[in-house]
Amino acid sequence: MKKYFKQFLIVIAAGLALSSCHKIEVKPNSLYTEDVFPKTDAEFQSVMGTIYTSLRGHYSLGYWFAQQLSSDEAILPVYGGNWLDGQGYIQLHRHDWNKDHGWITTVWNDANSIAGLCNQTMFIFKNAPDGDSKNTAIAELKTLRAFAYWELLDMFGNVPLDTIYPSPGVQAKATRAQVFTFVESELKAALPYLKTTTGSSTYGKVTKWMANALLAKLYLNAEVYAGSPKYNEAIAACDAIIASGNFAVEGRSTYLNQFSPTNGPSFKEFIFAIPYDPSTSNGYLFHGRYDLNRNLGIKYRYSGSTPGSYSFNQIIMNQTSGNGLVNARPSGPRATLSKFYNAYFTSDANDVRNNQWLVGLQYWPDGSPIMVSTTKKGYDQFYTGSDGATAMTYHLYIDSVFSTRLNAASLDMGNDEIAWNMGIRNIKFYPDANSSSRNQSNDAPIFRYSDILLMKAEAILRGGTATSGHTALSLVNMVRSNRSTSPAWTAVTLDDLYAERAREFTWECWRRNDMIRFGKYETIYGFKTNTDTYRRIFPIPTAAMNTNPKLTQNPGYPN
């Protein structure tokens, strides 16, 4: 890559902070001259890399927390004050966030920054030589910008549409319906110019199929976003992907491998995924840190953990010295609610998706029990005997429920072994044994082929016209036949489909979106009693309101 491209990335990243505020008064400058404008596909891609880097940093942290912790799928409690973090996580669970919430502010800033960076890059590309490479690059940028505005549409409703660089100044909010129309028109305009190839050459990049998947998601939620259903349009977008023949549902034996540290373009379900790499410092996927019980570091080789030369039945967790033992302890604060787990993962013992959970007694690979060293008081902080300092070991047990000892007001469970072992843990994104840091190399899929099939099934059930000989039942069974050895379903309802989506897309950032569309987001679950419907969208952050005086707060939230 020419040195000019490296310099440009620095300049454009510096300008990004300004663009995300929608207030540009500085005349834009570029290091490009006519002889160094990008001309080849590789050169265009090298410049756009910064946008993908921003997306990677955004998706598995702020976006994950906002989408998952505000649903019934995940909870991050407090452990004796650990992970209180300004109550940000428990506010998401209880639906009592406000306009100063840290993660909500983060996702607002992230999505607007990605859109702003797309604007800047398109401004640079406009003077590049015309040709197929330029047309494809512009289409890719339009799709990435549409994705950012789809996120804003989905999370915040009415938002400013700032699509010009240099910006003419701060913009008032467009209506949600107007943002919907903008995203739709951008994707449709981009489709003819996007790449259709799949595999390693386009992995992690925008393609025609990614744009169609986003269109399908947009249309499936059209009634929520814009007030009118577009189920036939959703079906058409799904059909474009299905008819391509480029994708397939992974079999039962490889379903969980899709999310492993060795996943990648070889998996036929991936339509659009975000690649992660432990060697990079910009963009973390470290689900192991959040999801593994803190006594399971060695079993899953978390962050370089190793049992050394011990045999498994000699290892006692919480003892970190001797014979080469390295015991890195994951934080392990995230879990699911027993109601969610029991509703979707206990009725079919033949479903491979059950295997993404850790619950009950835990064992080493050779079947030996995982024993943990502590004291009586360390095991139970409420132990009142005089021998509280007496050493003890116990067989690690991950409890499926949060006991009544949990403080319902603060969601603080205490800081002992009982507390840290409460809550079913998810290892769908399997810990990366080859990483010496908490960062993992598991790529995160945003759109998978199974989602296309289930979206089409849902659109049919909601009144769309069936096509290509498919029925809602046949489409759901295409997915289920690759997940369970149990008999195929003989009927399917919207409630059945809602449950199937819970099983299929756990931990993949779709639960909040699904709950809102199915009218479940206001229900009571876990420690949430708030049923306010206005919380289907998040508040405009204080920082954004201060920067842009034309913004108005979303309904229900105080200014």
Protein backbone atom coordinates (compact mmCIF):
# COMPACT_ATOMS: atom_id res chain seq x y z
CA MET A 1 0.00 0.00 0.00
CA LYS A 2 1.34 3.42 -0.94
CA LYS A 3 2.49 5.63 1.91
CA TYR A 4 -0.19 8.11 0.88
CA PHE A 5 -2.87 5.68 1.90
CA LYS A 6 -1.34 5.28 5.34
CA GLN A 7 -1.18 9.05 5.74
CA PHE A 8 -4.76 9.39 4.57
CA LEU A 9 -6.02 6.97 7.18
CA ILE A 10 -4.50 9.15 9.89
CA VAL A 11 -6.04 12.32 8.44
CA ILE A 12 -9.47 10.80 7.95
CA ALA A 13 -9.50 9.25 11.43
CA ALA A 14 -8.66 12.62 12.96
CA GLY A 15 -11.53 14.22 11.06
CA LEU A 16 -13.89 11.49 12.21
CA ALA A 17 -14.29 12.98 15.67
CA LEU A 18 -15.57 16.15 14.04
CA SER A 19 -17.88 14.40 11.59
CA SER A 20 -19.53 12.37 14.33
CA CYS A 21 -20.64 15.63 15.93
CA HIS A 22 -22.22 16.77 12.63
CA LYS A 23 -20.52 20.15 12.85
CA ILE A 24 -17.79 20.68 10.28
CA GLU A 25 -16.59 24.19 9.63
CA VAL A 26 -13.06 23.36 8.48
CA LYS A 27 -12.36 23.20 4.77
CA PRO A 28 -11.52 19.56 3.99
CA ASN A 29 -8.04 18.78 2.79
CA SER A 30 -6.75 15.59 1.24
CA LEU A 31 -3.27 14.24 0.74
CA TYR A 32 -4.49 12.81 -2.56
CA THR A 33 -3.46 14.22 -5.89
CA GLU A 34 -4.52 12.87 -9.24
CA ASP A 35 -1.56 10.50 -9.49
CA VAL A 36 -2.27 8.77 -6.17
CA PHE A 37 -6.06 8.51 -6.17
CA PRO A 38 -7.15 4.90 -5.65
CA LYS A 39 -7.62 3.14 -8.96
CA THR A 40 -7.65 -0.60 -8.28
CA ASP A 41 -10.04 -2.57 -6.15
CA ALA A 42 -7.24 -3.29 -3.66
CA GLU A 43 -6.44 0.43 -3.32
CA PHE A 44 -10.08 1.35 -2.70
CA GLN A 45 -10.33 -1.44 -0.13
CA SER A 46 -7.21 -0.27 1.69
CA VAL A 47 -8.74 3.16 2.25
CA MET A 48 -12.08 1.72 3.44
CA GLY A 49 -10.33 -0.47 6.00
CA THR A 50 -10.72 2.18 8.69
CA ILE A 51 -14.51 1.89 8.47
CA TYR A 52 -14.42 -1.86 8.98
CA THR A 53 -12.07 -1.35 11.91
CA SER A 54 -14.58 1.05 13.48
CA LEU A 55 -17.38 -1.47 12.96
CA ARG A 56 -15.30 -4.20 14.59
CA GLY A 57 -14.63 -2.11 17.68
CA HIS A 58 -18.29 -1.17 17.99
CA TYR A 59 -20.06 -4.47 17.48
CA SER A 60 -18.91 -6.86 20.22
CA LEU A 61 -18.90 -4.37 23.10
CA GLY A 62 -21.27 -1.37 23.16
CA TYR A 63 -23.66 -2.74 20.57
CA TRP A 64 -23.69 -6.18 22.22
CA PHE A 65 -24.49 -4.75 25.64
CA ALA A 66 -27.27 -2.51 24.33
CA GLN A 67 -28.93 -5.26 22.31
CA GLN A 68 -28.50 -8.20 24.67
CA LEU A 69 -28.61 -6.85 28.22
CA SER A 70 -31.84 -4.95 27.50
CA SER A 71 -33.46 -8.26 26.49
CA ASP A 72 -34.44 -11.37 28.45
CA GLU A 73 -31.46 -13.25 27.03
CA ALA A 74 -28.55 -11.93 29.11
CA ILE A 75 -27.86 -10.30 32.44
CA LEU A 76 -24.72 -8.87 34.01
CA PRO A 77 -25.27 -8.61 37.80
CA VAL A 78 -23.03 -7.13 40.50
CA TYR A 79 -20.68 -9.22 42.64
CA GLY A 80 -19.95 -7.48 45.92
CA GLY A 81 -19.57 -4.17 44.08
CA ASN A 82 -17.61 -5.72 41.20
CA TRP A 83 -19.11 -4.82 37.80
CA LEU A 84 -21.34 -2.14 39.29
CA ASP A 85 -19.85 0.31 36.76
CA GLY A 86 -22.26 3.13 37.49
CA GLN A 87 -25.19 0.68 37.35
CA GLY A 88 -24.98 0.76 33.55
CA TYR A 89 -25.45 -2.98 33.06
CA ILE A 90 -28.29 -3.40 35.54
CA GLN A 91 -30.05 -0.31 34.16
CA LEU A 92 -30.13 -2.02 30.77
CA HIS A 93 -31.66 -5.11 32.37
CA ARG A 94 -34.26 -3.20 34.40
CA HIS A 95 -35.15 -0.78 31.58
CA ASP A 96 -34.49 2.27 33.74
CA TRP A 97 -31.68 3.82 31.69
CA ASN A 98 -31.53 7.55 31.10
CA LYS A 99 -30.02 9.93 28.54
CA ASP A 100 -26.64 9.84 30.31
CA HIS A 101 -26.25 6.06 30.07
CA GLY A 102 -22.68 5.23 29.04
CA TRP A 103 -23.24 2.35 26.64
CA ILE A 104 -26.22 4.05 24.98
CA THR A 105 -24.04 7.10 24.40
CA THR A 106 -21.32 4.84 23.02
CA VAL A 107 -23.53 3.14 20.44
CA TRP A 108 -24.93 6.51 19.34
CA ASN A 109 -21.41 7.87 18.86
CA ASP A 110 -20.19 4.71 17.15
CA ALA A 111 -22.98 4.53 14.57
CA ASN A 112 -22.79 8.24 13.78
CA SER A 113 -19.01 8.03 13.47
CA ILE A 114 -19.25 5.15 10.99
CA ALA A 115 -21.76 7.14 8.92
CA GLY A 116 -19.52 10.21 9.07
CA LEU A 117 -16.46 8.26 8.02
CA CYS A 118 -18.39 6.87 5.04
CA ASN A 119 -19.31 10.45 4.06
CA GLN A 120 -15.70 11.55 4.25
CA THR A 121 -14.45 8.61 2.24
CA MET A 122 -17.05 9.11 -0.50
CA PHE A 123 -15.95 12.74 -0.71
CA ILE A 124 -12.39 11.58 -1.39
CA PHE A 125 -13.49 8.94 -3.90
CA LYS A 126 -15.59 11.30 -6.01
CA ASN A 127 -12.52 12.54 -7.90
CA ALA A 128 -11.00 9.11 -8.38
CA PRO A 129 -10.99 7.77 -11.96
CA ASP A 130 -14.35 6.40 -13.04
CA GLY A 131 -14.68 2.67 -13.53
CA ASP A 132 -16.04 -0.54 -12.05
CA SER A 133 -13.73 -0.43 -9.01
CA LYS A 134 -14.91 3.04 -8.09
CA ASN A 135 -18.57 2.18 -8.63
CA THR A 136 -18.22 -0.87 -6.41
CA ALA A 137 -16.37 1.07 -3.72
CA ILE A 138 -19.02 3.81 -3.64
CA ALA A 139 -21.76 1.18 -3.46
CA GLU A 140 -19.94 -0.52 -0.59
CA LEU A 141 -19.67 2.78 1.27
CA LYS A 142 -23.36 3.51 0.73
CA THR A 143 -24.20 0.09 2.16
CA LEU A 144 -21.98 0.57 5.20
CA ARG A 145 -23.55 3.99 5.78
CA ALA A 146 -27.00 2.44 5.38
CA PHE A 147 -26.05 -0.17 7.97
CA ALA A 148 -25.03 2.57 10.41
CA TYR A 149 -28.28 4.43 9.83
CA TRP A 150 -30.25 1.19 10.17
CA GLU A 151 -28.69 0.79 13.63
CA LEU A 152 -29.67 4.36 14.53
CA LEU A 153 -33.16 3.82 13.09
CA ASP A 154 -33.53 0.63 15.10
CA MET A 155 -32.16 1.95 18.39
CA PHE A 156 -33.07 5.65 18.42
CA GLY A 157 -35.98 6.11 15.98
CA ASN A 158 -35.93 9.68 14.66
CA VAL A 159 -32.33 10.72 13.99
CA PRO A 160 -30.53 13.35 11.88
CA LEU A 161 -29.64 12.31 8.36
CA ASP A 162 -26.22 13.83 7.74
CA THR A 163 -25.07 12.54 4.36
CA ILE A 164 -22.98 15.43 3.00
CA TYR A 165 -19.27 16.06 3.47
CA PRO A 166 -18.22 18.67 4.32
CA SER A 167 -21.29 19.02 6.49
CA PRO A 168 -23.42 22.14 5.99
CA GLY A 169 -23.99 22.18 9.76
CA VAL A 170 -26.02 20.39 12.39
CA GLN A 171 -29.22 18.74 11.19
CA ALA A 172 -32.65 18.38 12.77
CA LYS A 173 -34.00 14.89 13.30
CA ALA A 174 -35.62 13.16 10.35
CA THR A 175 -38.67 11.04 11.12
CA ARG A 176 -38.20 7.33 11.57
CA ALA A 177 -40.13 6.76 8.35
CA GLN A 178 -37.77 9.12 6.49
CA VAL A 179 -34.71 7.31 7.82
CA PHE A 180 -36.32 4.01 6.77
CA THR A 181 -36.82 5.34 3.24
CA PHE A 182 -33.24 6.60 3.10
CA VAL A 183 -31.78 3.25 4.15
CA GLU A 184 -34.02 1.43 1.68
CA SER A 185 -33.12 3.72 -1.23
CA GLU A 186 -29.39 3.58 -0.49
CA LEU A 187 -29.37 -0.20 -0.44
CA LYS A 188 -31.42 -0.50 -3.62
CA ALA A 189 -29.15 1.99 -5.38
CA ALA A 190 -26.05 0.09 -4.28
CA LEU A 191 -27.20 -3.42 -5.20
CA PRO A 192 -26.36 -3.37 -8.95
CA TYR A 193 -22.72 -2.44 -8.25
CA LEU A 194 -21.88 -4.69 -5.31
CA LYS A 195 -19.78 -7.81 -5.62
CA THR A 196 -21.54 -11.13 -5.94
CA THR A 197 -18.57 -13.40 -5.24
CA THR A 198 -18.33 -15.21 -1.92
CA GLY A 199 -15.45 -16.82 -0.10
CA SER A 200 -12.16 -15.53 1.22
CA SER A 201 -11.84 -12.68 -1.29
CA THR A 202 -14.98 -10.92 0.01
CA TYR A 203 -15.17 -12.36 3.52
CA GLY A 204 -15.95 -9.69 6.09
CA LYS A 205 -16.78 -7.19 3.34
CA VAL A 206 -20.01 -5.83 1.92
CA THR A 207 -21.49 -7.87 -0.95
CA LYS A 208 -24.78 -7.89 -2.81
CA TRP A 209 -25.93 -10.64 -0.44
CA MET A 210 -25.13 -8.62 2.68
CA ALA A 211 -27.14 -5.68 1.28
CA ASN A 212 -30.09 -7.97 0.54
CA ALA A 213 -29.90 -9.42 4.05
CA LEU A 214 -30.03 -5.91 5.51
CA LEU A 215 -32.96 -5.09 3.21
CA ALA A 216 -34.78 -8.20 4.42
CA LYS A 217 -34.22 -7.18 8.05
CA LEU A 218 -35.37 -3.63 7.27
CA TYR A 219 -38.55 -4.84 5.55
CA LEU A 220 -39.36 -7.44 8.21
CA ASN A 221 -39.38 -4.63 10.78
CA ALA A 222 -41.08 -2.07 8.50
CA GLU A 223 -44.25 -1.97 10.57
CA VAL A 224 -42.20 -1.11 13.66
CA TYR A 225 -40.00 1.40 11.84
CA ALA A 226 -42.37 3.08 9.42
CA GLY A 227 -45.90 2.03 10.38
CA SER A 228 -46.68 -0.13 7.32
CA PRO A 229 -45.80 -3.79 6.69
CA LYS A 230 -43.55 -4.80 3.80
CA TYR A 231 -43.58 -8.58 4.09
CA ASN A 232 -43.58 -9.30 0.36
CA GLU A 233 -40.56 -7.04 -0.02
CA ALA A 234 -38.84 -8.95 2.80
CA ILE A 235 -39.58 -12.22 1.02
CA ALA A 236 -38.15 -10.87 -2.25
CA ALA A 237 -34.92 -9.82 -0.53
CA CYS A 238 -34.63 -13.27 1.06
CA ASP A 239 -35.36 -14.95 -2.27
CA ALA A 240 -32.48 -13.09 -3.94
CA ILE A 241 -30.09 -14.68 -1.43
CA ILE A 242 -31.70 -18.11 -1.56
CA ALA A 243 -31.72 -18.18 -5.38
CA SER A 244 -28.01 -17.31 -5.52
CA GLY A 245 -27.12 -20.81 -4.33
CA ASN A 246 -24.11 -19.38 -2.51
CA PHE A 247 -25.20 -20.29 1.00
CA ALA A 248 -26.41 -23.28 2.98
CA VAL A 249 -27.43 -24.20 6.52
CA GLU A 250 -24.55 -25.76 8.41
CA GLY A 251 -25.17 -29.32 9.53
CA ARG A 252 -25.75 -30.38 13.11
CA SER A 253 -22.13 -31.47 13.49
CA THR A 254 -20.75 -28.10 12.43
CA TYR A 255 -23.32 -25.67 13.86
CA LEU A 256 -21.25 -24.71 16.91
CA ASN A 257 -18.02 -24.75 14.90
CA GLN A 258 -19.33 -21.66 13.11
CA PHE A 259 -18.63 -19.65 16.24
CA SER A 260 -15.30 -21.20 17.18
CA PRO A 261 -11.91 -19.46 17.05
CA THR A 262 -11.26 -21.18 13.71
CA ASN A 263 -14.42 -19.97 12.00
CA GLY A 264 -14.22 -18.04 8.78
CA PRO A 265 -15.14 -18.06 5.08
CA SER A 266 -15.34 -21.84 4.89
CA PHE A 267 -18.69 -21.79 6.67
CA LYS A 268 -21.50 -21.61 4.15
CA GLU A 269 -23.97 -19.90 6.50
CA PHE A 270 -22.01 -16.68 6.81
CA ILE A 271 -23.39 -13.87 4.64
CA PHE A 272 -21.64 -11.07 6.52
CA ALA A 273 -19.31 -11.48 9.48
CA ILE A 274 -16.87 -9.29 11.37
CA PRO A 275 -13.38 -10.82 11.54
CA TYR A 276 -11.55 -10.59 14.88
CA ASP A 277 -7.88 -11.18 15.59
CA PRO A 278 -6.18 -11.43 19.02
CA SER A 279 -3.15 -9.56 17.70
CA THR A 280 -5.07 -6.34 17.04
CA SER A 281 -5.79 -3.77 19.71
CA ASN A 282 -8.66 -2.05 17.88
CA GLY A 283 -11.81 -4.04 18.28
CA TYR A 284 -12.21 -6.72 20.89
CA LEU A 285 -14.20 -9.89 20.94
CA PHE A 286 -13.53 -11.37 24.35
CA HIS A 287 -16.68 -13.27 25.20
CA GLY A 288 -14.55 -15.70 27.21
CA ARG A 289 -13.73 -12.93 29.64
CA TYR A 290 -17.39 -12.11 30.22
CA ASP A 291 -19.02 -15.51 29.87
CA LEU A 292 -16.72 -18.11 31.43
CA ASN A 293 -17.13 -18.90 35.09
CA ARG A 294 -13.99 -17.64 36.81
CA ASN A 295 -13.00 -21.17 37.87
CA LEU A 296 -12.99 -22.47 34.29
CA GLY A 297 -9.93 -20.64 32.97
CA ILE A 298 -7.72 -23.71 32.81
CA LYS A 299 -10.31 -26.03 31.30
CA TYR A 300 -10.88 -23.68 28.38
CA ARG A 301 -7.25 -22.44 28.25
CA TYR A 302 -8.43 -18.89 28.85
CA SER A 303 -5.76 -16.24 28.14
CA GLY A 304 -2.91 -18.73 28.03
CA SER A 305 -4.00 -20.83 31.01
CA THR A 306 -2.47 -24.31 31.17
CA PRO A 307 -2.59 -27.23 33.61
CA GLY A 308 1.15 -27.74 33.14
CA SER A 309 2.16 -31.34 33.78
CA TYR A 310 -0.69 -32.04 36.15
CA SER A 311 -3.21 -34.74 35.41
CA PHE A 312 -6.70 -33.35 35.65
CA ASN A 313 -7.63 -35.13 38.86
CA GLN A 314 -4.71 -33.37 40.58
CA ILE A 315 -5.74 -29.84 39.67
CA ILE A 316 -7.44 -27.79 42.34
CA MET A 317 -8.73 -24.47 41.08
CA ASN A 318 -7.80 -21.30 43.00
CA GLN A 319 -4.32 -22.73 43.48
CA THR A 320 -2.11 -20.96 40.99
CA SER A 321 1.39 -22.24 41.65
CA GLY A 322 3.36 -25.44 41.27
CA ASN A 323 4.25 -27.81 38.48
CA GLY A 324 3.83 -25.27 35.67
CA LEU A 325 0.20 -24.48 36.45
CA VAL A 326 -0.98 -21.18 34.91
CA ASN A 327 -4.44 -20.15 36.06
CA ALA A 328 -5.75 -17.01 34.35
CA ARG A 329 -9.18 -16.29 35.74
CA PRO A 330 -11.87 -14.85 33.45
CA SER A 331 -14.16 -12.24 34.99
CA GLY A 332 -17.26 -14.27 34.21
CA PRO A 333 -20.02 -11.79 35.09
CA ARG A 334 -22.48 -12.47 32.25
CA ALA A 335 -25.16 -15.13 32.37
CA THR A 336 -28.62 -15.93 31.13
CA LEU A 337 -31.84 -16.08 33.08
CA SER A 338 -33.21 -19.47 34.05
CA LYS A 339 -36.58 -18.50 32.56
CA PHE A 340 -34.97 -17.94 29.16
CA TYR A 341 -32.96 -21.16 29.34
CA ASN A 342 -35.90 -23.28 30.51
CA ALA A 343 -38.22 -21.84 27.87
CA TYR A 344 -36.01 -22.70 24.90
CA PHE A 345 -33.31 -25.22 25.76
CA THR A 346 -34.82 -27.98 27.88
CA SER A 347 -37.62 -29.43 25.75
CA ASP A 348 -35.54 -31.14 23.05
CA ALA A 349 -32.58 -33.18 24.29
CA ASN A 350 -31.51 -33.84 20.68
CA ASP A 351 -30.93 -30.17 19.82
CA VAL A 352 -27.22 -29.36 19.34
CA ARG A 353 -27.86 -25.76 20.38
CA ASN A 354 -28.27 -26.95 23.97
CA ASN A 355 -24.51 -27.48 24.02
CA GLN A 356 -23.70 -23.78 24.04
CA TRP A 357 -24.55 -23.54 27.75
CA LEU A 358 -22.60 -24.29 30.93
CA VAL A 359 -24.84 -25.34 33.82
CA GLY A 360 -24.68 -27.85 36.67
CA LEU A 361 -21.65 -29.81 37.87
CA GLN A 362 -18.49 -29.16 35.86
CA TYR A 363 -15.90 -31.74 34.81
CA TRP A 364 -12.47 -31.93 33.20
CA PRO A 365 -12.24 -33.48 29.71
CA ASP A 366 -11.35 -36.87 31.23
CA GLY A 367 -14.47 -36.84 33.41
CA SER A 368 -12.74 -35.84 36.65
CA PRO A 369 -14.68 -33.32 38.74
CA ILE A 370 -13.42 -29.74 38.73
CA MET A 371 -12.57 -29.03 42.36
CA VAL A 372 -12.15 -25.52 43.76
CA SER A 373 -10.09 -24.52 46.80
CA THR A 374 -11.48 -21.89 49.17
CA THR A 375 -12.53 -21.46 52.80
CA LYS A 376 -15.90 -21.87 54.41
CA LYS A 377 -16.27 -18.10 54.54
CA GLY A 378 -14.89 -17.74 51.02
CA TYR A 379 -17.49 -20.19 49.79
CA ASP A 380 -20.36 -18.48 51.62
CA GLN A 381 -19.78 -14.95 52.88
CA PHE A 382 -22.78 -15.31 55.19
CA TYR A 383 -21.30 -18.31 56.98
CA THR A 384 -21.43 -17.57 60.73
CA GLY A 385 -19.41 -20.43 62.19
CA SER A 386 -16.21 -19.75 64.11
CA ASP A 387 -14.25 -21.87 61.63
CA GLY A 388 -14.87 -19.61 58.64
CA ALA A 389 -11.15 -19.56 57.79
CA THR A 390 -11.00 -23.35 57.53
CA ALA A 391 -9.91 -24.57 54.09
CA MET A 392 -12.36 -26.50 51.98
CA THR A 393 -12.74 -27.72 48.43
CA TYR A 394 -15.95 -28.18 46.51
CA HIS A 395 -17.07 -29.62 43.17
CA LEU A 396 -17.75 -26.67 40.86
CA TYR A 397 -21.48 -26.27 40.27
CA ILE A 398 -22.99 -23.58 38.07
CA ASP A 399 -26.42 -22.83 39.46
CA SER A 400 -29.20 -22.19 36.98
CA VAL A 401 -30.94 -19.67 39.21
CA PHE A 402 -30.02 -16.48 41.02
CA SER A 403 -30.82 -17.26 44.65
CA THR A 404 -33.01 -15.18 46.92
CA ARG A 405 -29.85 -13.87 48.62
CA LEU A 406 -29.46 -11.52 45.62
CA ASN A 407 -30.21 -7.90 46.49
CA ALA A 408 -33.07 -7.10 44.12
CA ALA A 409 -32.48 -3.35 44.39
CA SER A 410 -28.81 -3.38 43.43
CA LEU A 411 -28.65 -6.80 41.73
CA ASP A 412 -25.63 -7.50 43.95
CA MET A 413 -25.24 -11.22 44.60
CA GLY A 414 -22.27 -10.97 46.93
CA ASN A 415 -18.59 -11.70 46.51
CA ASP A 416 -18.16 -15.36 47.34
CA GLU A 417 -18.03 -18.64 45.45
CA ILE A 418 -21.78 -19.13 45.63
CA ALA A 419 -22.34 -15.72 44.05
CA TRP A 420 -19.84 -16.14 41.21
CA ASN A 421 -21.26 -19.56 40.37
CA MET A 422 -24.85 -18.36 39.95
CA GLY A 423 -26.23 -18.02 36.44
CA ILE A 424 -26.01 -20.23 33.36
CA ARG A 425 -23.02 -19.27 31.16
CA ASN A 426 -22.85 -19.23 27.38
CA ILE A 427 -19.85 -20.53 25.40
CA LYS A 428 -21.27 -20.26 21.89
CA PHE A 429 -18.26 -18.13 20.96
CA TYR A 430 -15.91 -20.78 22.27
CA PRO A 431 -12.87 -19.48 24.19
CA ASP A 432 -9.74 -19.16 22.09
CA ALA A 433 -7.13 -21.56 23.51
CA ASN A 434 -4.47 -20.19 21.15
CA SER A 435 -4.75 -16.61 22.39
CA SER A 436 -2.40 -15.43 25.13
CA SER A 437 -4.65 -12.41 25.74
CA ARG A 438 -8.32 -12.18 26.57
CA ASN A 439 -8.99 -11.18 22.95
CA GLN A 440 -10.31 -13.96 20.71
CA SER A 441 -10.12 -14.82 17.03
CA ASN A 442 -13.76 -15.91 16.76
CA ASP A 443 -15.41 -13.98 13.94
CA ALA A 444 -18.87 -12.62 14.74
CA PRO A 445 -21.57 -13.24 12.12
CA ILE A 446 -24.12 -10.48 11.65
CA PHE A 447 -26.15 -12.13 8.90
CA ARG A 448 -26.41 -15.90 8.51
CA TYR A 449 -28.33 -17.97 5.99
CA SER A 450 -30.49 -19.53 8.71
CA ASP A 451 -31.71 -16.01 9.50
CA ILE A 452 -32.73 -15.56 5.86
CA LEU A 453 -34.82 -18.73 5.98
CA LEU A 454 -36.45 -17.82 9.29
CA MET A 455 -37.11 -14.23 8.19
CA LYS A 456 -38.85 -15.51 5.07
CA ALA A 457 -40.88 -17.95 7.18
CA GLU A 458 -41.93 -15.15 9.51
CA ALA A 459 -42.87 -12.85 6.64
CA ILE A 460 -45.12 -15.60 5.23
CA LEU A 461 -46.72 -16.23 8.63
CA ARG A 462 -47.40 -12.50 8.96
CA GLY A 463 -49.26 -12.37 5.65
CA GLY A 464 -46.65 -12.29 2.90
CA THR A 465 -47.09 -14.37 -0.25
CA ALA A 466 -45.20 -17.67 -0.28
CA THR A 467 -42.79 -18.15 -3.19
CA SER A 468 -40.61 -20.81 -4.78
CA GLY A 469 -42.65 -23.62 -3.28
CA HIS A 470 -41.65 -22.65 0.24
CA THR A 471 -44.01 -22.54 3.20
CA ALA A 472 -43.30 -21.13 6.62
CA LEU A 473 -43.20 -24.72 7.92
CA SER A 474 -40.83 -26.02 5.26
CA LEU A 475 -38.44 -23.10 5.83
CA VAL A 476 -38.34 -23.60 9.59
CA ASN A 477 -37.76 -27.32 9.13
CA MET A 478 -34.82 -26.59 6.80
CA VAL A 479 -33.12 -25.03 9.80
CA ARG A 480 -34.34 -27.48 12.43
CA SER A 481 -33.33 -30.55 10.44
CA ASN A 482 -29.74 -29.33 10.80
CA ARG A 483 -30.02 -28.63 14.51
CA SER A 484 -31.95 -31.56 15.99
CA THR A 485 -32.47 -35.25 15.30
CA SER A 486 -36.02 -35.00 16.62
CA PRO A 487 -38.91 -35.35 14.14
CA ALA A 488 -39.71 -32.41 11.88
CA TRP A 489 -42.42 -30.05 13.00
CA THR A 490 -45.88 -30.57 11.53
CA ALA A 491 -47.11 -27.04 12.18
CA VAL A 492 -45.61 -23.65 13.05
CA THR A 493 -47.04 -20.51 14.62
CA LEU A 494 -45.50 -17.08 15.21
CA ASP A 495 -44.88 -18.06 18.84
CA ASP A 496 -43.07 -21.19 17.64
CA LEU A 497 -40.95 -19.09 15.33
CA TYR A 498 -40.15 -16.63 18.10
CA ALA A 499 -38.88 -19.52 20.21
CA GLU A 500 -36.88 -20.94 17.31
CA ARG A 501 -35.17 -17.60 16.76
CA ALA A 502 -34.23 -17.58 20.45
CA ARG A 503 -32.57 -20.98 20.09
CA GLU A 504 -30.84 -20.17 16.82
CA PHE A 505 -29.49 -16.66 17.45
CA THR A 506 -28.64 -16.62 21.14
CA TRP A 507 -25.74 -14.23 21.89
CA GLU A 508 -25.79 -12.83 18.30
CA CYS A 509 -27.36 -9.42 19.00
CA TRP A 510 -30.83 -10.11 17.59
CA ARG A 511 -32.91 -10.65 20.73
CA ARG A 512 -33.91 -7.02 21.40
CA ASN A 513 -34.92 -6.59 17.75
CA ASP A 514 -37.00 -9.78 17.87
CA MET A 515 -38.65 -8.96 21.20
CA ILE A 516 -39.82 -5.56 19.96
CA ARG A 517 -41.21 -6.97 16.70
CA PHE A 518 -43.08 -9.72 18.57
CA GLY A 519 -44.41 -7.34 21.25
CA LYS A 520 -42.46 -9.01 24.06
CA TYR A 521 -40.02 -6.25 25.02
CA GLU A 522 -42.29 -4.78 27.70
CA THR A 523 -42.94 -8.08 29.45
CA ILE A 524 -41.62 -8.72 32.96
CA TYR A 525 -38.56 -10.97 33.17
CA GLY A 526 -35.69 -11.50 35.55
CA PHE A 527 -35.51 -8.47 37.84
CA LYS A 528 -37.22 -6.17 35.33
CA THR A 529 -40.65 -4.85 36.27
CA ASN A 530 -40.72 -1.81 33.97
CA THR A 531 -43.29 -2.16 31.18
CA ASP A 532 -42.88 1.27 29.52
CA THR A 533 -43.41 0.92 25.79
CA TYR A 534 -41.45 4.09 24.97
CA ARG A 535 -38.26 2.21 25.88
CA ARG A 536 -38.45 0.36 22.60
CA ILE A 537 -36.12 3.14 21.50
CA PHE A 538 -33.26 4.61 23.49
CA PRO A 539 -32.96 8.28 24.52
CA ILE A 540 -30.87 10.78 22.58
CA PRO A 541 -27.68 11.10 24.68
CA THR A 542 -27.01 14.31 26.59
CA ALA A 543 -23.71 14.84 24.77
CA ALA A 544 -25.49 14.71 21.39
CA MET A 545 -28.16 17.16 22.57
CA ASN A 546 -25.45 19.54 23.77
CA THR A 547 -23.61 19.36 20.44
CA ASN A 548 -26.67 19.70 18.26
CA PRO A 549 -29.30 22.19 19.54
CA LYS A 550 -31.69 21.12 16.77
CA LEU A 551 -32.17 17.70 18.38
CA THR A 552 -35.28 16.96 20.42
CA GLN A 553 -35.51 14.21 23.00
CA ASN A 554 -37.36 10.99 22.18
CA PRO A 555 -40.88 10.64 23.63
CA GLY A 556 -41.07 9.50 27.25
CA TYR A 557 -37.61 10.70 28.22
CA PRO A 558 -37.07 14.02 30.01
CA ASN A 559 -35.11 16.69 28.19
